[in-house]
Amino acid sequence: MADILKVGKYEFTSRLIVGSGKYPDFKTTYDATIASGAEMITVAVRRVNITDPNKENLMDYFKDSNVQLLPNSAGCTTAEEAITLFRMVREATGIDIIKLEIIGDTEKTLYPDVIETIEACEVLAKEGFTVMAYTNDDPIVAKKLENAGAAAVMPLAAPIGSGLGIQNRYNVVFVKEAVSVPVIVDAGVGCASDAAIAMELGADGVLTNTAIAQAKNPILMAEAMKHAVKAGRMSYLAGRIPKKPYATASSPTEGMIF
């Protein structure tokens, strides 16, 4: 049976989401995305054109693919800014699935402002948007976002673009236990093993941008991420053995011949 990721009314067969920033051009963005097998690509609509048909438009590259564009509010620092932005994007493109991202610290950590995020989520969800909310790795905040109408919560693994990997594995598990909507680990993934670990912890998906876009070979890294997310998901579903402090023989010791 297909292992489907359901986000609100949307369904995806890939559990990897990629970003569109930091690539040299739209062609490389497209090639890496296709290599990744991802069915969603997040787009900072304040920085990447998807609304002006008279300029080079990222939507043109994906119009004949099965890849869903996921507008995000990168650059917004208040709920009001994000709400206004997404209303404009839906008016211009018809897209209603969004990544809500409101940054509280724009200078150093790029950590989210969770209070503004919850406020914006409530408004946007009531207006019919399918909201995927970027947040910190706090299960309490994750639950509040779910209550505010988020269709998915996206806790950071580490600061955006840091490549540090998951800094608090327990919190990923705590967030997963706290909510019933999908948990997508977002930000800080640096290599394929980071993505696999996130999935083995029980995350429903992984979003990565910098790890692919700034790899020495973005296409190859995109493919590696595809396999890592699949392997991590399969490992989680299979169920790992319990950890033990001492060795356990792989073959039985009873009934030995000699």
Protein backbone atom coordinates (compact mmCIF):
# COMPACT_ATOMS: atom_id res chain seq x y z
CA MET A 1 0.00 0.00 0.00
CA ALA A 2 1.16 3.53 -0.74
CA ASP A 3 2.53 5.40 2.28
CA ILE A 4 0.67 8.68 1.84
CA LEU A 5 1.49 11.95 3.58
CA LYS A 6 -1.76 13.84 4.17
CA VAL A 7 -1.62 17.57 4.87
CA GLY A 8 -5.12 18.92 5.16
CA LYS A 9 -6.90 18.16 1.88
CA TYR A 10 -3.61 17.45 0.07
CA GLU A 11 -1.94 14.07 -0.38
CA PHE A 12 1.67 13.30 -1.31
CA THR A 13 3.60 10.11 -1.93
CA SER A 14 6.95 11.77 -1.16
CA ARG A 15 7.77 12.76 2.41
CA LEU A 16 10.60 15.05 1.33
CA ILE A 17 9.96 18.76 0.79
CA VAL A 18 12.64 20.89 -0.82
CA GLY A 19 13.32 24.60 -0.98
CA SER A 20 13.99 26.88 -3.93
CA GLY A 21 16.49 29.33 -2.45
CA LYS A 22 20.26 29.58 -2.92
CA TYR A 23 20.36 27.94 -6.36
CA PRO A 24 22.21 29.68 -9.20
CA ASP A 25 19.16 29.58 -11.49
CA PHE A 26 15.66 28.15 -11.90
CA LYS A 27 16.90 25.34 -14.17
CA THR A 28 19.13 23.95 -11.41
CA THR A 29 16.28 24.36 -8.94
CA TYR A 30 14.06 22.31 -11.21
CA ASP A 31 16.64 19.58 -11.90
CA ALA A 32 17.45 19.12 -8.20
CA THR A 33 13.78 19.03 -7.25
CA ILE A 34 13.00 16.35 -9.81
CA ALA A 35 16.03 14.33 -8.69
CA SER A 36 14.80 14.53 -5.10
CA GLY A 37 11.43 13.01 -5.93
CA ALA A 38 9.80 15.75 -3.84
CA GLU A 39 6.23 16.75 -4.62
CA MET A 40 6.41 20.08 -2.77
CA ILE A 41 8.85 22.94 -3.18
CA THR A 42 8.69 25.88 -0.82
CA VAL A 43 9.13 29.33 -2.32
CA ALA A 44 9.95 32.58 -0.52
CA VAL A 45 7.52 34.72 -2.47
CA ARG A 46 9.15 37.94 -1.33
CA ARG A 47 12.38 36.80 -3.02
CA VAL A 48 11.43 34.37 -5.79
CA ASN A 49 8.97 35.28 -8.53
CA ILE A 50 5.83 33.17 -8.87
CA THR A 51 3.31 35.99 -9.30
CA ASP A 52 4.59 38.18 -12.16
CA PRO A 53 4.04 36.45 -15.54
CA ASN A 54 6.09 39.12 -17.31
CA LYS A 55 9.33 38.04 -15.60
CA GLU A 56 11.10 34.70 -15.33
CA ASN A 57 8.68 32.72 -13.22
CA LEU A 58 9.46 29.59 -11.20
CA MET A 59 5.93 28.30 -11.81
CA ASP A 60 6.70 27.99 -15.52
CA TYR A 61 9.41 25.41 -14.80
CA PHE A 62 7.06 23.19 -12.79
CA LYS A 63 3.81 23.63 -14.71
CA ASP A 64 4.04 20.20 -16.36
CA SER A 65 5.26 18.38 -13.24
CA ASN A 66 3.50 16.93 -10.19
CA VAL A 67 5.37 19.33 -7.89
CA GLN A 68 3.18 21.56 -5.71
CA LEU A 69 4.50 25.05 -5.05
CA LEU A 70 4.40 25.90 -1.35
CA PRO A 71 4.63 29.68 -0.87
CA ASN A 72 6.32 30.74 2.35
CA SER A 73 6.41 34.02 4.23
CA ALA A 74 10.18 34.25 4.71
CA GLY A 75 11.05 37.86 5.46
CA CYS A 76 7.88 38.51 7.44
CA THR A 77 8.28 39.49 11.08
CA THR A 78 4.64 40.04 12.10
CA ALA A 79 1.37 38.21 11.76
CA GLU A 80 -0.12 41.12 9.83
CA GLU A 81 2.66 40.99 7.21
CA ALA A 82 2.27 37.25 6.69
CA ILE A 83 -1.52 37.38 6.47
CA THR A 84 -1.42 40.18 3.90
CA LEU A 85 1.23 38.38 1.87
CA PHE A 86 -0.67 35.10 1.65
CA ARG A 87 -3.91 36.82 0.71
CA MET A 88 -2.09 38.47 -2.18
CA VAL A 89 -0.45 35.20 -3.24
CA ARG A 90 -3.76 33.33 -3.27
CA GLU A 91 -5.36 36.11 -5.27
CA ALA A 92 -2.54 36.03 -7.84
CA THR A 93 -1.95 32.26 -8.09
CA GLY A 94 -4.88 30.42 -6.53
CA ILE A 95 -2.49 28.53 -4.26
CA ASP A 96 -3.92 27.96 -0.78
CA ILE A 97 -1.39 25.60 0.78
CA ILE A 98 1.27 27.69 2.52
CA LYS A 99 4.28 27.56 4.79
CA LEU A 100 3.79 30.11 7.56
CA GLU A 101 7.17 31.46 8.65
CA ILE A 102 7.43 34.52 10.91
CA ILE A 103 10.94 35.26 12.12
CA GLY A 104 11.55 36.83 15.52
CA ASP A 105 15.34 37.10 15.38
CA THR A 106 16.38 38.28 11.92
CA GLU A 107 20.03 38.95 12.80
CA LYS A 108 21.49 35.76 14.22
CA THR A 109 19.36 32.66 14.86
CA LEU A 110 16.41 33.20 12.48
CA TYR A 111 14.29 31.63 15.20
CA PRO A 112 10.53 31.96 14.75
CA ASP A 113 8.27 34.32 16.67
CA VAL A 114 5.81 31.72 17.88
CA ILE A 115 3.30 34.24 19.31
CA GLU A 116 2.95 36.01 15.95
CA THR A 117 2.88 32.62 14.19
CA ILE A 118 -0.02 31.33 16.28
CA GLU A 119 -1.95 34.58 15.71
CA ALA A 120 -1.45 34.40 11.93
CA CYS A 121 -2.27 30.70 11.84
CA GLU A 122 -5.67 31.27 13.44
CA VAL A 123 -6.62 33.90 10.87
CA LEU A 124 -5.30 32.07 7.82
CA ALA A 125 -6.81 28.72 8.78
CA LYS A 126 -10.23 30.35 9.23
CA GLU A 127 -9.85 31.85 5.75
CA GLY A 128 -9.42 28.41 4.21
CA PHE A 129 -5.65 28.19 3.89
CA THR A 130 -3.89 24.88 4.48
CA VAL A 131 -1.28 26.12 6.93
CA MET A 132 2.06 24.39 7.46
CA ALA A 133 3.62 26.29 10.35
CA TYR A 134 7.37 26.68 10.94
CA THR A 135 8.09 26.70 14.67
CA ASN A 136 10.65 25.86 17.32
CA ASP A 137 10.97 22.33 18.66
CA ASP A 138 8.53 22.91 21.53
CA PRO A 139 5.64 20.44 21.96
CA ILE A 140 3.54 23.03 23.82
CA VAL A 141 3.75 25.50 20.96
CA ALA A 142 3.15 22.71 18.45
CA LYS A 143 -0.12 21.83 20.20
CA LYS A 144 -1.18 25.48 20.25
CA LEU A 145 -0.54 25.69 16.51
CA GLU A 146 -2.64 22.59 15.92
CA ASN A 147 -5.42 24.14 18.00
CA ALA A 148 -5.07 27.31 15.91
CA GLY A 149 -5.79 25.30 12.76
CA ALA A 150 -2.36 24.29 11.46
CA ALA A 151 -2.53 21.34 9.06
CA ALA A 152 1.11 20.50 9.83
CA VAL A 153 3.73 21.72 12.28
CA MET A 154 7.34 22.17 11.18
CA PRO A 155 9.76 22.20 14.12
CA LEU A 156 13.32 23.26 13.40
CA ALA A 157 16.13 20.74 13.80
CA ALA A 158 18.67 23.56 14.16
CA PRO A 159 18.94 27.18 12.95
CA ILE A 160 18.03 27.72 9.29
CA GLY A 161 20.93 27.01 6.95
CA SER A 162 23.24 25.88 9.77
CA GLY A 163 23.61 22.26 8.64
CA LEU A 164 23.95 21.20 12.28
CA GLY A 165 21.42 18.39 12.08
CA ILE A 166 18.93 17.54 14.82
CA GLN A 167 20.17 19.14 18.03
CA ASN A 168 17.48 17.76 20.32
CA ARG A 169 16.17 14.40 19.24
CA TYR A 170 13.93 14.09 22.27
CA ASN A 171 12.01 17.21 21.31
CA VAL A 172 11.20 15.81 17.88
CA VAL A 173 9.63 12.83 19.63
CA PHE A 174 7.85 15.07 22.14
CA VAL A 175 6.36 17.20 19.35
CA LYS A 176 5.25 14.08 17.49
CA GLU A 177 3.52 12.80 20.63
CA ALA A 178 1.84 16.17 21.29
CA VAL A 179 -0.04 16.60 18.01
CA SER A 180 -2.16 14.58 15.61
CA VAL A 181 -1.25 16.59 12.50
CA PRO A 182 1.91 15.76 10.47
CA VAL A 183 5.26 16.79 11.92
CA ILE A 184 7.75 17.95 9.27
CA VAL A 185 11.30 18.49 10.53
CA ASP A 186 12.43 21.78 9.02
CA ALA A 187 15.71 23.75 9.08
CA GLY A 188 19.21 22.65 10.00
CA VAL A 189 19.43 19.46 7.94
CA GLY A 190 22.97 19.23 6.57
CA CYS A 191 23.28 15.83 4.91
CA ALA A 192 21.32 12.71 4.04
CA SER A 193 21.92 11.00 7.39
CA ASP A 194 20.25 13.95 9.18
CA ALA A 195 17.11 13.35 7.12
CA ALA A 196 17.18 9.63 7.85
CA ILE A 197 17.51 10.27 11.59
CA ALA A 198 14.54 12.65 11.54
CA MET A 199 12.40 10.01 9.88
CA GLU A 200 13.60 7.26 12.23
CA LEU A 201 12.51 9.42 15.15
CA GLY A 202 8.98 9.34 13.75
CA ALA A 203 8.77 12.60 11.83
CA ASP A 204 6.22 12.49 9.03
CA GLY A 205 8.52 14.34 6.64
CA VAL A 206 11.60 16.49 6.20
CA LEU A 207 12.12 19.86 4.55
CA THR A 208 15.59 20.81 3.37
CA ASN A 209 16.95 23.55 1.14
CA THR A 210 20.53 24.64 1.85
CA ALA A 211 21.84 21.08 2.21
CA ILE A 212 20.90 20.43 -1.41
CA ALA A 213 21.28 23.86 -3.02
CA GLN A 214 24.77 24.48 -1.65
CA ALA A 215 26.12 20.95 -1.91
CA LYS A 216 29.07 20.50 -4.28
CA ASN A 217 26.76 18.37 -6.41
CA PRO A 218 23.15 19.50 -5.75
CA ILE A 219 21.59 16.89 -8.03
CA LEU A 220 23.41 14.02 -6.33
CA MET A 221 22.58 15.36 -2.86
CA ALA A 222 18.94 15.70 -3.84
CA GLU A 223 18.86 12.05 -4.83
CA ALA A 224 20.63 11.10 -1.60
CA MET A 225 17.98 12.95 0.39
CA LYS A 226 15.26 11.07 -1.45
CA HIS A 227 16.71 7.71 -0.48
CA ALA A 228 17.48 8.85 3.09
CA VAL A 229 13.90 9.92 3.77
CA LYS A 230 12.57 6.65 2.36
CA ALA A 231 15.06 4.55 4.33
CA GLY A 232 14.39 6.43 7.55
CA ARG A 233 10.65 6.04 7.13
CA MET A 234 10.97 2.31 6.44
CA SER A 235 13.24 1.88 9.47
CA TYR A 236 10.72 3.68 11.69
CA LEU A 237 7.82 1.58 10.44
CA ALA A 238 9.83 -1.64 10.81
CA GLY A 239 10.53 -0.91 14.48
CA ARG A 240 14.08 -0.82 15.82
CA ILE A 241 15.40 -3.27 18.40
CA PRO A 242 15.66 -2.04 22.00
CA LYS A 243 18.98 -0.64 23.16
CA LYS A 244 20.84 -2.80 25.71
CA PRO A 245 23.95 -2.09 27.77
CA TYR A 246 25.54 -5.49 27.05
CA ALA A 247 26.07 -7.79 24.10
CA THR A 248 23.48 -10.35 23.00
CA ALA A 249 24.58 -13.32 20.91
CA SER A 250 23.21 -13.24 17.36
CA SER A 251 22.77 -17.03 17.26
CA PRO A 252 21.23 -19.21 20.04
CA THR A 253 23.53 -20.76 22.62
CA GLU A 254 21.07 -23.49 23.62
CA GLY A 255 21.36 -26.84 21.93
CA MET A 256 24.93 -26.29 20.76
CA ILE A 257 26.39 -29.40 19.12
CA PHE A 258 29.77 -28.99 20.78
